[in-house]
Amino acid sequence: MVIEQLERRGIKDRRVLAAMRSVERDRFIPAEYAEHAYDDGPLPIGSSQTISQPYIVALMSEVAALNGNERVLEIGTGSGYQAAILSCLAAEVYSIESIPSLHDHARLILYAMGIQNVHLSCGDGSVGWPEEVAFDVILVTAAMPGVARPLLGQLRPGGRLVAPIGDEELQTLVRIQRINNSWQEEYFGECRFVRMTGKHGF
């Protein structure tokens, strides 16, 4: 998976590649899809949600540009796979899931894996996690119709928001960095995510 799907498609961050090697993706996949756990594509995880394809998980992790000291907020825990990858790359990870059954299942998986630097919450991720501000990176794993201002407000100076922004069918992966009182945007290609719900979602 790492060689064929990630390195050959341009993922270069050695820490990201090491995390993708170390975290077992099959632990986050329903049993009926286990044989496809390392395929190059998303898979259903229940409640009309999916686990992203490995390349997208690696790309978002690389775009986040983590050095190991950051506090990261993830919007959309899903199966917990991206949170597990982030746990290898950042100091602390805070992850919000709006669907209780997915939140509960992700908590069980991460606990069973002994991951201690991921903190989970169940609620409206589109408003962020104001009780835990501020964050160095906010990573959104659901399509947003536009930039949710509450999320930008929860970034530290120099912080980065990584998110798929667009309509319900097709988005662009965007990194928005806070530089003093202005924002710098960079774009990393087209992507497809399930839509964000909540106050600032679709």
N, C-alpha and C. Protein backbone atom coordinates (compact mmCIF):
# COMPACT_ATOMS: atom_id res chain seq x y z
N MET A 1 0.82 -1.20 0.00
CA MET A 1 0.00 0.00 0.00
C MET A 1 0.87 1.26 0.00
N VAL A 2 1.85 1.31 0.88
CA VAL A 2 2.68 2.52 0.99
C VAL A 2 3.48 2.75 -0.29
N ILE A 3 4.07 1.70 -0.82
CA ILE A 3 4.88 1.84 -2.02
C ILE A 3 4.03 2.16 -3.24
N GLU A 4 2.99 1.34 -3.46
CA GLU A 4 2.20 1.45 -4.69
C GLU A 4 1.28 2.67 -4.70
N GLN A 5 0.62 2.94 -3.57
CA GLN A 5 -0.42 3.96 -3.55
C GLN A 5 0.07 5.33 -3.07
N LEU A 6 1.12 5.34 -2.25
CA LEU A 6 1.55 6.60 -1.64
C LEU A 6 2.84 7.13 -2.26
N GLU A 7 3.92 6.37 -2.14
CA GLU A 7 5.20 6.86 -2.65
C GLU A 7 5.16 7.10 -4.16
N ARG A 8 4.55 6.20 -4.90
CA ARG A 8 4.51 6.35 -6.35
C ARG A 8 3.58 7.47 -6.80
N ARG A 9 2.74 7.96 -5.90
CA ARG A 9 1.85 9.08 -6.24
C ARG A 9 2.33 10.38 -5.61
N GLY A 10 3.54 10.37 -5.06
CA GLY A 10 4.15 11.63 -4.67
C GLY A 10 4.19 11.96 -3.20
N ILE A 11 3.72 11.07 -2.33
CA ILE A 11 3.82 11.33 -0.89
C ILE A 11 5.28 11.15 -0.49
N LYS A 12 5.87 12.21 0.11
CA LYS A 12 7.30 12.19 0.41
C LYS A 12 7.62 12.31 1.89
N ASP A 13 6.71 12.81 2.69
CA ASP A 13 6.98 13.02 4.12
C ASP A 13 7.27 11.67 4.78
N ARG A 14 8.50 11.50 5.29
CA ARG A 14 8.90 10.21 5.83
C ARG A 14 8.10 9.85 7.08
N ARG A 15 7.74 10.84 7.88
CA ARG A 15 6.96 10.57 9.09
C ARG A 15 5.56 10.10 8.72
N VAL A 16 4.98 10.69 7.70
CA VAL A 16 3.66 10.26 7.24
C VAL A 16 3.72 8.84 6.71
N LEU A 17 4.72 8.54 5.90
CA LEU A 17 4.86 7.18 5.36
C LEU A 17 5.06 6.16 6.47
N ALA A 18 5.83 6.53 7.49
CA ALA A 18 6.04 5.61 8.61
C ALA A 18 4.75 5.37 9.38
N ALA A 19 3.96 6.43 9.57
CA ALA A 19 2.68 6.28 10.26
C ALA A 19 1.73 5.39 9.46
N MET A 20 1.71 5.57 8.15
CA MET A 20 0.84 4.76 7.31
C MET A 20 1.26 3.29 7.33
N ARG A 21 2.55 3.04 7.52
CA ARG A 21 3.02 1.66 7.63
C ARG A 21 2.64 1.05 8.99
N SER A 22 2.66 1.86 10.03
CA SER A 22 2.52 1.31 11.38
C SER A 22 1.07 1.11 11.82
N VAL A 23 0.15 1.91 11.30
CA VAL A 23 -1.25 1.81 11.72
C VAL A 23 -1.98 0.81 10.82
N GLU A 24 -2.55 -0.20 11.42
CA GLU A 24 -3.22 -1.27 10.67
C GLU A 24 -4.62 -0.83 10.24
N ARG A 25 -4.77 -0.57 8.95
CA ARG A 25 -6.05 -0.05 8.45
C ARG A 25 -7.19 -1.05 8.60
N ASP A 26 -6.86 -2.33 8.56
CA ASP A 26 -7.92 -3.35 8.63
C ASP A 26 -8.66 -3.31 9.96
N ARG A 27 -8.04 -2.74 11.01
CA ARG A 27 -8.72 -2.66 12.31
C ARG A 27 -9.87 -1.67 12.29
N PHE A 28 -9.91 -0.81 11.28
CA PHE A 28 -10.92 0.24 11.20
C PHE A 28 -11.98 -0.05 10.14
N ILE A 29 -11.95 -1.26 9.60
CA ILE A 29 -12.83 -1.65 8.50
C ILE A 29 -13.84 -2.67 8.99
N PRO A 30 -15.13 -2.54 8.64
CA PRO A 30 -16.10 -3.59 8.98
C PRO A 30 -15.65 -4.94 8.42
N ALA A 31 -15.99 -6.00 9.14
CA ALA A 31 -15.50 -7.34 8.80
C ALA A 31 -15.82 -7.74 7.36
N GLU A 32 -16.97 -7.31 6.85
CA GLU A 32 -17.35 -7.73 5.51
C GLU A 32 -16.49 -7.10 4.41
N TYR A 33 -15.72 -6.07 4.77
CA TYR A 33 -14.84 -5.43 3.78
C TYR A 33 -13.36 -5.65 4.10
N ALA A 34 -13.08 -6.55 5.03
CA ALA A 34 -11.71 -6.72 5.50
C ALA A 34 -10.73 -7.04 4.38
N GLU A 35 -11.16 -7.82 3.40
CA GLU A 35 -10.25 -8.20 2.32
C GLU A 35 -9.85 -7.01 1.45
N HIS A 36 -10.59 -5.90 1.57
CA HIS A 36 -10.30 -4.71 0.77
C HIS A 36 -9.65 -3.60 1.61
N ALA A 37 -9.22 -3.93 2.82
CA ALA A 37 -8.74 -2.90 3.75
C ALA A 37 -7.60 -2.07 3.18
N TYR A 38 -6.76 -2.66 2.34
CA TYR A 38 -5.60 -1.94 1.83
C TYR A 38 -5.72 -1.60 0.35
N ASP A 39 -6.95 -1.66 -0.16
CA ASP A 39 -7.20 -1.25 -1.54
C ASP A 39 -7.13 0.27 -1.67
N ASP A 40 -6.94 0.70 -2.89
CA ASP A 40 -6.82 2.14 -3.18
C ASP A 40 -8.21 2.74 -3.40
N GLY A 41 -8.97 2.84 -2.32
CA GLY A 41 -10.30 3.41 -2.43
C GLY A 41 -10.97 3.53 -1.08
N PRO A 42 -12.03 4.34 -0.99
CA PRO A 42 -12.79 4.45 0.27
C PRO A 42 -13.63 3.21 0.49
N LEU A 43 -14.05 2.98 1.74
CA LEU A 43 -14.90 1.84 2.08
C LEU A 43 -16.00 2.29 3.04
N PRO A 44 -17.17 1.66 2.97
CA PRO A 44 -18.26 2.01 3.90
C PRO A 44 -17.90 1.62 5.34
N ILE A 45 -18.31 2.47 6.29
CA ILE A 45 -18.11 2.15 7.71
C ILE A 45 -19.42 2.23 8.48
N GLY A 46 -20.54 2.36 7.75
CA GLY A 46 -21.85 2.46 8.39
C GLY A 46 -22.34 3.89 8.46
N SER A 47 -23.66 4.04 8.68
CA SER A 47 -24.29 5.36 8.80
C SER A 47 -24.04 6.25 7.59
N SER A 48 -23.94 5.63 6.41
CA SER A 48 -23.70 6.34 5.15
C SER A 48 -22.38 7.10 5.12
N GLN A 49 -21.41 6.65 5.93
CA GLN A 49 -20.10 7.27 5.99
C GLN A 49 -19.05 6.30 5.43
N THR A 50 -17.88 6.85 5.12
CA THR A 50 -16.81 6.02 4.57
C THR A 50 -15.49 6.31 5.27
N ILE A 51 -14.57 5.35 5.19
CA ILE A 51 -13.17 5.59 5.53
C ILE A 51 -12.48 6.00 4.25
N SER A 52 -11.72 7.09 4.29
CA SER A 52 -11.08 7.61 3.08
C SER A 52 -10.04 6.63 2.54
N GLN A 53 -9.77 6.73 1.25
CA GLN A 53 -8.73 5.90 0.65
C GLN A 53 -7.39 6.27 1.27
N PRO A 54 -6.47 5.31 1.35
CA PRO A 54 -5.19 5.57 1.99
C PRO A 54 -4.46 6.79 1.44
N TYR A 55 -4.50 7.00 0.12
CA TYR A 55 -3.79 8.13 -0.46
C TYR A 55 -4.29 9.46 0.09
N ILE A 56 -5.60 9.60 0.22
CA ILE A 56 -6.17 10.86 0.72
C ILE A 56 -5.79 11.08 2.17
N VAL A 57 -5.81 10.02 2.97
CA VAL A 57 -5.39 10.13 4.37
C VAL A 57 -3.94 10.61 4.45
N ALA A 58 -3.09 10.00 3.63
CA ALA A 58 -1.67 10.38 3.62
C ALA A 58 -1.48 11.81 3.10
N LEU A 59 -2.21 12.16 2.04
CA LEU A 59 -2.08 13.50 1.47
C LEU A 59 -2.48 14.57 2.47
N MET A 60 -3.62 14.39 3.13
CA MET A 60 -4.07 15.37 4.11
C MET A 60 -3.07 15.47 5.27
N SER A 61 -2.53 14.35 5.67
CA SER A 61 -1.54 14.34 6.74
C SER A 61 -0.28 15.08 6.32
N GLU A 62 0.14 14.89 5.08
CA GLU A 62 1.33 15.57 4.58
C GLU A 62 1.09 17.07 4.44
N VAL A 63 -0.06 17.42 3.90
CA VAL A 63 -0.40 18.83 3.72
C VAL A 63 -0.47 19.56 5.07
N ALA A 64 -0.84 18.85 6.12
CA ALA A 64 -0.90 19.45 7.45
C ALA A 64 0.47 19.87 7.96
N ALA A 65 1.53 19.29 7.41
CA ALA A 65 2.92 19.67 7.72
C ALA A 65 3.21 19.62 9.22
N LEU A 66 3.04 18.45 9.80
CA LEU A 66 3.20 18.27 11.25
C LEU A 66 4.64 17.89 11.60
N ASN A 67 5.12 18.44 12.72
CA ASN A 67 6.48 18.11 13.16
C ASN A 67 6.51 17.29 14.45
N GLY A 68 5.35 17.06 15.06
CA GLY A 68 5.29 16.24 16.25
C GLY A 68 4.94 16.98 17.52
N ASN A 69 4.92 18.30 17.47
CA ASN A 69 4.66 19.10 18.67
C ASN A 69 3.28 19.75 18.70
N GLU A 70 2.48 19.52 17.68
CA GLU A 70 1.25 20.27 17.51
C GLU A 70 0.06 19.70 18.29
N ARG A 71 -0.89 20.60 18.54
CA ARG A 71 -2.24 20.22 18.97
C ARG A 71 -3.12 20.29 17.73
N VAL A 72 -3.73 19.16 17.39
CA VAL A 72 -4.50 19.05 16.16
C VAL A 72 -5.97 18.80 16.47
N LEU A 73 -6.84 19.48 15.76
CA LEU A 73 -8.27 19.22 15.83
C LEU A 73 -8.71 18.56 14.53
N GLU A 74 -9.33 17.39 14.65
CA GLU A 74 -9.89 16.71 13.48
C GLU A 74 -11.41 16.82 13.54
N ILE A 75 -12.00 17.22 12.43
CA ILE A 75 -13.46 17.29 12.32
C ILE A 75 -13.92 16.10 11.51
N GLY A 76 -14.60 15.16 12.16
CA GLY A 76 -15.08 13.96 11.49
C GLY A 76 -14.24 12.74 11.83
N THR A 77 -14.45 12.19 13.02
CA THR A 77 -13.65 11.04 13.46
C THR A 77 -13.87 9.83 12.57
N GLY A 78 -15.14 9.59 12.18
CA GLY A 78 -15.44 8.42 11.37
C GLY A 78 -15.04 7.14 12.08
N SER A 79 -14.25 6.32 11.40
CA SER A 79 -13.78 5.06 11.97
C SER A 79 -12.66 5.25 12.99
N GLY A 80 -12.02 6.42 12.96
CA GLY A 80 -10.87 6.67 13.83
C GLY A 80 -9.53 6.49 13.16
N TYR A 81 -9.53 6.10 11.88
CA TYR A 81 -8.26 5.81 11.19
C TYR A 81 -7.39 7.05 11.03
N GLN A 82 -7.98 8.14 10.54
CA GLN A 82 -7.18 9.36 10.39
C GLN A 82 -6.68 9.85 11.74
N ALA A 83 -7.49 9.74 12.78
CA ALA A 83 -7.04 10.13 14.12
C ALA A 83 -5.86 9.29 14.57
N ALA A 84 -5.89 8.01 14.26
CA ALA A 84 -4.78 7.13 14.63
C ALA A 84 -3.50 7.52 13.90
N ILE A 85 -3.61 7.87 12.62
CA ILE A 85 -2.46 8.34 11.87
C ILE A 85 -1.93 9.63 12.48
N LEU A 86 -2.83 10.56 12.79
CA LEU A 86 -2.42 11.83 13.38
C LEU A 86 -1.77 11.64 14.74
N SER A 87 -2.19 10.61 15.47
CA SER A 87 -1.60 10.36 16.79
C SER A 87 -0.11 10.06 16.70
N CYS A 88 0.33 9.57 15.55
CA CYS A 88 1.75 9.28 15.33
C CYS A 88 2.52 10.53 14.91
N LEU A 89 1.81 11.58 14.52
CA LEU A 89 2.43 12.74 13.90
C LEU A 89 2.37 14.01 14.73
N ALA A 90 1.50 14.04 15.75
CA ALA A 90 1.28 15.25 16.55
C ALA A 90 1.33 14.91 18.03
N ALA A 91 1.43 15.94 18.86
CA ALA A 91 1.50 15.72 20.30
C ALA A 91 0.13 15.33 20.87
N GLU A 92 -0.91 16.08 20.48
CA GLU A 92 -2.26 15.81 20.97
C GLU A 92 -3.25 15.96 19.82
N VAL A 93 -4.22 15.07 19.77
CA VAL A 93 -5.25 15.09 18.73
C VAL A 93 -6.61 15.15 19.40
N TYR A 94 -7.43 16.10 18.97
CA TYR A 94 -8.80 16.23 19.43
C TYR A 94 -9.70 15.97 18.22
N SER A 95 -10.62 15.03 18.35
CA SER A 95 -11.41 14.61 17.20
C SER A 95 -12.90 14.60 17.55
N ILE A 96 -13.69 15.18 16.66
CA ILE A 96 -15.13 15.31 16.89
C ILE A 96 -15.89 14.52 15.83
N GLU A 97 -16.88 13.75 16.27
CA GLU A 97 -17.77 12.99 15.37
C GLU A 97 -19.21 13.31 15.72
N SER A 98 -20.02 13.55 14.71
CA SER A 98 -21.42 13.92 14.96
C SER A 98 -22.34 12.71 15.11
N ILE A 99 -21.91 11.53 14.67
CA ILE A 99 -22.76 10.33 14.70
C ILE A 99 -22.37 9.48 15.91
N PRO A 100 -23.25 9.34 16.89
CA PRO A 100 -22.88 8.65 18.13
C PRO A 100 -22.34 7.24 17.94
N SER A 101 -22.93 6.46 17.04
CA SER A 101 -22.48 5.07 16.87
C SER A 101 -21.04 5.02 16.35
N LEU A 102 -20.69 5.92 15.43
CA LEU A 102 -19.31 5.96 14.94
C LEU A 102 -18.36 6.45 16.01
N HIS A 103 -18.77 7.46 16.75
CA HIS A 103 -17.97 7.97 17.86
C HIS A 103 -17.65 6.85 18.86
N ASP A 104 -18.66 6.08 19.24
CA ASP A 104 -18.47 5.02 20.24
C ASP A 104 -17.55 3.93 19.70
N HIS A 105 -17.73 3.57 18.43
CA HIS A 105 -16.91 2.51 17.85
C HIS A 105 -15.46 2.95 17.72
N ALA A 106 -15.24 4.18 17.28
CA ALA A 106 -13.87 4.69 17.16
C ALA A 106 -13.20 4.72 18.52
N ARG A 107 -13.92 5.10 19.54
CA ARG A 107 -13.35 5.13 20.89
C ARG A 107 -12.88 3.75 21.31
N LEU A 108 -13.68 2.71 21.03
CA LEU A 108 -13.31 1.35 21.39
C LEU A 108 -12.04 0.90 20.65
N ILE A 109 -11.97 1.23 19.35
CA ILE A 109 -10.81 0.81 18.57
C ILE A 109 -9.54 1.49 19.06
N LEU A 110 -9.60 2.80 19.23
CA LEU A 110 -8.42 3.54 19.65
C LEU A 110 -7.97 3.12 21.05
N TYR A 111 -8.93 2.85 21.93
CA TYR A 111 -8.59 2.37 23.27
C TYR A 111 -7.90 1.01 23.20
N ALA A 112 -8.45 0.13 22.36
CA ALA A 112 -7.86 -1.21 22.23
C ALA A 112 -6.45 -1.16 21.67
N MET A 113 -6.15 -0.13 20.88
CA MET A 113 -4.83 0.01 20.30
C MET A 113 -3.85 0.71 21.25
N GLY A 114 -4.35 1.15 22.39
CA GLY A 114 -3.49 1.80 23.37
C GLY A 114 -3.09 3.21 23.01
N ILE A 115 -3.85 3.85 22.14
CA ILE A 115 -3.55 5.22 21.73
C ILE A 115 -4.08 6.18 22.80
N GLN A 116 -3.20 6.95 23.40
CA GLN A 116 -3.57 7.78 24.55
C GLN A 116 -3.58 9.27 24.27
N ASN A 117 -3.10 9.69 23.12
CA ASN A 117 -3.05 11.13 22.85
C ASN A 117 -4.15 11.60 21.90
N VAL A 118 -5.20 10.80 21.76
CA VAL A 118 -6.38 11.19 20.98
C VAL A 118 -7.55 11.37 21.94
N HIS A 119 -8.20 12.53 21.87
CA HIS A 119 -9.32 12.87 22.74
C HIS A 119 -10.56 13.03 21.86
N LEU A 120 -11.62 12.29 22.18
CA LEU A 120 -12.81 12.25 21.33
C LEU A 120 -13.98 13.00 21.95
N SER A 121 -14.81 13.53 21.05
CA SER A 121 -16.05 14.19 21.46
C SER A 121 -17.11 13.90 20.43
N CYS A 122 -18.36 13.85 20.85
CA CYS A 122 -19.49 13.64 19.94
C CYS A 122 -20.31 14.92 19.89
N GLY A 123 -20.43 15.49 18.70
CA GLY A 123 -21.17 16.74 18.59
C GLY A 123 -21.02 17.34 17.20
N ASP A 124 -21.38 18.61 17.08
CA ASP A 124 -21.35 19.34 15.81
C ASP A 124 -19.93 19.82 15.55
N GLY A 125 -19.22 19.12 14.69
CA GLY A 125 -17.85 19.48 14.40
C GLY A 125 -17.70 20.78 13.64
N SER A 126 -18.76 21.23 12.97
CA SER A 126 -18.64 22.45 12.17
C SER A 126 -18.40 23.69 13.03
N VAL A 127 -18.65 23.58 14.34
CA VAL A 127 -18.38 24.72 15.23
C VAL A 127 -17.05 24.53 15.96
N GLY A 128 -16.35 23.43 15.68
CA GLY A 128 -15.05 23.21 16.30
C GLY A 128 -15.17 22.72 17.73
N TRP A 129 -14.12 22.97 18.49
CA TRP A 129 -14.05 22.54 19.90
C TRP A 129 -13.55 23.74 20.71
N PRO A 130 -14.41 24.73 20.92
CA PRO A 130 -13.95 25.99 21.52
C PRO A 130 -13.39 25.83 22.92
N GLU A 131 -13.79 24.79 23.64
CA GLU A 131 -13.27 24.59 25.00
C GLU A 131 -11.79 24.23 25.02
N GLU A 132 -11.25 23.80 23.88
CA GLU A 132 -9.87 23.33 23.83
C GLU A 132 -8.96 24.21 22.97
N VAL A 133 -9.41 25.38 22.58
CA VAL A 133 -8.58 26.23 21.71
C VAL A 133 -7.31 26.65 22.44
N ALA A 134 -6.22 26.95 21.71
CA ALA A 134 -6.20 27.05 20.26
C ALA A 134 -5.42 25.87 19.68
N PHE A 135 -5.60 25.67 18.37
CA PHE A 135 -5.00 24.53 17.70
C PHE A 135 -3.96 25.00 16.69
N ASP A 136 -2.95 24.17 16.50
CA ASP A 136 -1.94 24.44 15.48
C ASP A 136 -2.44 24.03 14.10
N VAL A 137 -3.21 22.97 14.06
CA VAL A 137 -3.77 22.46 12.81
C VAL A 137 -5.20 22.01 13.04
N ILE A 138 -6.07 22.34 12.09
CA ILE A 138 -7.43 21.78 12.07
C ILE A 138 -7.58 21.04 10.75
N LEU A 139 -7.92 19.78 10.82
CA LEU A 139 -8.05 18.93 9.65
C LEU A 139 -9.50 18.46 9.56
N VAL A 140 -10.14 18.76 8.44
CA VAL A 140 -11.56 18.47 8.25
C VAL A 140 -11.70 17.32 7.27
N THR A 141 -12.36 16.26 7.70
CA THR A 141 -12.50 15.07 6.84
C THR A 141 -13.93 14.92 6.33
N ALA A 142 -14.59 16.05 6.08
CA ALA A 142 -15.90 16.07 5.46
C ALA A 142 -15.99 17.31 4.59
N ALA A 143 -16.75 17.21 3.50
CA ALA A 143 -16.85 18.32 2.55
C ALA A 143 -17.54 19.52 3.18
N MET A 144 -16.94 20.70 3.02
CA MET A 144 -17.53 21.93 3.52
C MET A 144 -17.96 22.81 2.35
N PRO A 145 -19.13 23.45 2.45
CA PRO A 145 -19.58 24.34 1.36
C PRO A 145 -18.76 25.63 1.30
N GLY A 146 -18.09 25.96 2.36
CA GLY A 146 -17.24 27.14 2.45
C GLY A 146 -16.44 27.06 3.73
N VAL A 147 -15.60 28.03 3.96
CA VAL A 147 -14.77 28.02 5.16
C VAL A 147 -15.63 28.37 6.37
N ALA A 148 -15.65 27.48 7.35
CA ALA A 148 -16.41 27.73 8.58
C ALA A 148 -15.61 28.69 9.46
N ARG A 149 -16.09 29.90 9.62
CA ARG A 149 -15.36 30.93 10.36
C ARG A 149 -15.02 30.52 11.79
N PRO A 150 -15.90 29.77 12.49
CA PRO A 150 -15.51 29.36 13.85
C PRO A 150 -14.24 28.53 13.88
N LEU A 151 -13.99 27.75 12.82
CA LEU A 151 -12.78 26.93 12.77
C LEU A 151 -11.55 27.82 12.60
N LEU A 152 -11.63 28.77 11.70
CA LEU A 152 -10.50 29.68 11.52
C LEU A 152 -10.18 30.41 12.82
N GLY A 153 -11.21 30.76 13.56
CA GLY A 153 -11.01 31.48 14.81
C GLY A 153 -10.36 30.64 15.90
N GLN A 154 -10.30 29.32 15.71
CA GLN A 154 -9.70 28.44 16.72
C GLN A 154 -8.26 28.07 16.40
N LEU A 155 -7.70 28.69 15.36
CA LEU A 155 -6.31 28.44 14.99
C LEU A 155 -5.37 29.40 15.72
N ARG A 156 -4.22 28.90 16.12
CA ARG A 156 -3.16 29.76 16.62
C ARG A 156 -2.59 30.59 15.46
N PRO A 157 -1.92 31.71 15.75
CA PRO A 157 -1.16 32.39 14.70
C PRO A 157 -0.17 31.42 14.06
N GLY A 158 -0.17 31.39 12.75
CA GLY A 158 0.66 30.43 12.02
C GLY A 158 -0.02 29.10 11.81
N GLY A 159 -1.22 28.91 12.38
CA GLY A 159 -1.94 27.65 12.27
C GLY A 159 -2.48 27.39 10.88
N ARG A 160 -2.86 26.14 10.63
CA ARG A 160 -3.28 25.71 9.31
C ARG A 160 -4.60 24.95 9.37
N LEU A 161 -5.51 25.29 8.48
CA LEU A 161 -6.75 24.55 8.28
C LEU A 161 -6.63 23.77 6.98
N VAL A 162 -6.83 22.46 7.03
CA VAL A 162 -6.80 21.61 5.84
C VAL A 162 -8.19 21.03 5.67
N ALA A 163 -8.82 21.29 4.52
CA ALA A 163 -10.21 20.89 4.36
C ALA A 163 -10.59 20.75 2.89
N PRO A 164 -11.54 19.84 2.59
CA PRO A 164 -12.13 19.77 1.25
C PRO A 164 -13.28 20.77 1.15
N ILE A 165 -13.16 21.71 0.26
CA ILE A 165 -14.16 22.78 0.13
C ILE A 165 -14.74 22.76 -1.27
N GLY A 166 -16.07 22.79 -1.36
CA GLY A 166 -16.74 22.78 -2.65
C GLY A 166 -18.20 22.45 -2.50
N ASP A 167 -18.76 21.75 -3.50
CA ASP A 167 -20.17 21.36 -3.41
C ASP A 167 -20.26 19.92 -2.90
N GLU A 168 -21.45 19.35 -2.94
CA GLU A 168 -21.64 18.02 -2.37
C GLU A 168 -21.04 16.92 -3.24
N GLU A 169 -20.76 17.21 -4.50
CA GLU A 169 -20.25 16.18 -5.40
C GLU A 169 -18.74 16.22 -5.57
N LEU A 170 -18.14 17.40 -5.55
CA LEU A 170 -16.72 17.53 -5.83
C LEU A 170 -16.15 18.70 -5.04
N GLN A 171 -14.99 18.48 -4.45
CA GLN A 171 -14.34 19.53 -3.66
C GLN A 171 -12.88 19.69 -4.08
N THR A 172 -12.28 20.75 -3.59
CA THR A 172 -10.85 20.99 -3.73
C THR A 172 -10.22 20.93 -2.35
N LEU A 173 -9.10 20.21 -2.23
CA LEU A 173 -8.40 20.16 -0.96
C LEU A 173 -7.62 21.46 -0.79
N VAL A 174 -7.93 22.17 0.28
CA VAL A 174 -7.38 23.51 0.50
C VAL A 174 -6.63 23.54 1.84
N ARG A 175 -5.49 24.24 1.84
CA ARG A 175 -4.80 24.56 3.10
C ARG A 175 -4.83 26.07 3.28
N ILE A 176 -5.39 26.49 4.39
CA ILE A 176 -5.48 27.91 4.71
C ILE A 176 -4.62 28.17 5.94
N GLN A 177 -3.61 29.02 5.80
CA GLN A 177 -2.69 29.29 6.89
C GLN A 177 -2.89 30.71 7.42
N ARG A 178 -2.93 30.80 8.74
CA ARG A 178 -3.07 32.09 9.39
C ARG A 178 -1.69 32.73 9.52
N ILE A 179 -1.49 33.86 8.86
CA ILE A 179 -0.24 34.61 8.94
C ILE A 179 -0.56 36.01 9.44
N ASN A 180 -0.24 36.26 10.71
CA ASN A 180 -0.61 37.51 11.37
C ASN A 180 -2.12 37.72 11.25
N ASN A 181 -2.55 38.77 10.58
CA ASN A 181 -3.98 39.04 10.44
C ASN A 181 -4.50 38.72 9.05
N SER A 182 -3.76 37.94 8.28
CA SER A 182 -4.20 37.58 6.94
C SER A 182 -4.17 36.07 6.77
N TRP A 183 -4.70 35.61 5.63
CA TRP A 183 -4.83 34.18 5.37
C TRP A 183 -4.21 33.85 4.02
N GLN A 184 -3.43 32.80 3.98
CA GLN A 184 -2.82 32.34 2.74
C GLN A 184 -3.44 31.01 2.35
N GLU A 185 -3.92 30.90 1.11
CA GLU A 185 -4.58 29.69 0.64
C GLU A 185 -3.69 28.96 -0.37
N GLU A 186 -3.66 27.63 -0.25
CA GLU A 186 -2.98 26.76 -1.21
C GLU A 186 -3.92 25.62 -1.58
N TYR A 187 -3.77 25.12 -2.80
CA TYR A 187 -4.71 24.12 -3.31
C TYR A 187 -3.96 22.85 -3.72
N PHE A 188 -4.59 21.70 -3.44
CA PHE A 188 -3.92 20.41 -3.61
C PHE A 188 -4.76 19.42 -4.40
N GLY A 189 -5.56 19.91 -5.32
CA GLY A 189 -6.28 19.03 -6.23
C GLY A 189 -7.70 18.71 -5.80
N GLU A 190 -8.40 18.04 -6.70
CA GLU A 190 -9.79 17.68 -6.47
C GLU A 190 -9.90 16.45 -5.57
N CYS A 191 -11.01 16.38 -4.84
CA CYS A 191 -11.26 15.23 -3.96
C CYS A 191 -12.76 15.09 -3.76
N ARG A 192 -13.16 13.97 -3.17
CA ARG A 192 -14.58 13.72 -2.90
C ARG A 192 -14.72 13.18 -1.48
N PHE A 193 -15.48 13.90 -0.67
CA PHE A 193 -15.76 13.51 0.71
C PHE A 193 -17.26 13.50 0.93
N VAL A 194 -17.70 12.76 1.95
CA VAL A 194 -19.09 12.87 2.37
C VAL A 194 -19.30 14.28 2.92
N ARG A 195 -20.51 14.75 2.87
CA ARG A 195 -20.77 16.15 3.23
C ARG A 195 -20.76 16.37 4.74
N MET A 196 -20.34 17.55 5.11
CA MET A 196 -20.40 17.95 6.52
C MET A 196 -21.82 18.36 6.86
N THR A 197 -22.27 17.95 8.02
CA THR A 197 -23.57 18.39 8.52
C THR A 197 -23.32 19.41 9.63
N GLY A 198 -24.38 19.86 10.28
CA GLY A 198 -24.22 20.79 11.38
C GLY A 198 -24.45 22.23 10.97
N LYS A 199 -24.23 23.13 11.89
CA LYS A 199 -24.56 24.54 11.71
C LYS A 199 -23.88 25.17 10.52
N HIS A 200 -22.64 24.78 10.24
CA HIS A 200 -21.88 25.38 9.15
C HIS A 200 -21.62 24.39 8.02
N GLY A 201 -22.40 23.31 7.99
CA GLY A 201 -22.29 22.32 6.93
C GLY A 201 -23.35 22.52 5.87
N PHE A 202 -23.61 21.46 5.13
CA PHE A 202 -24.62 21.53 4.08
C PHE A 202 -26.03 21.46 4.67
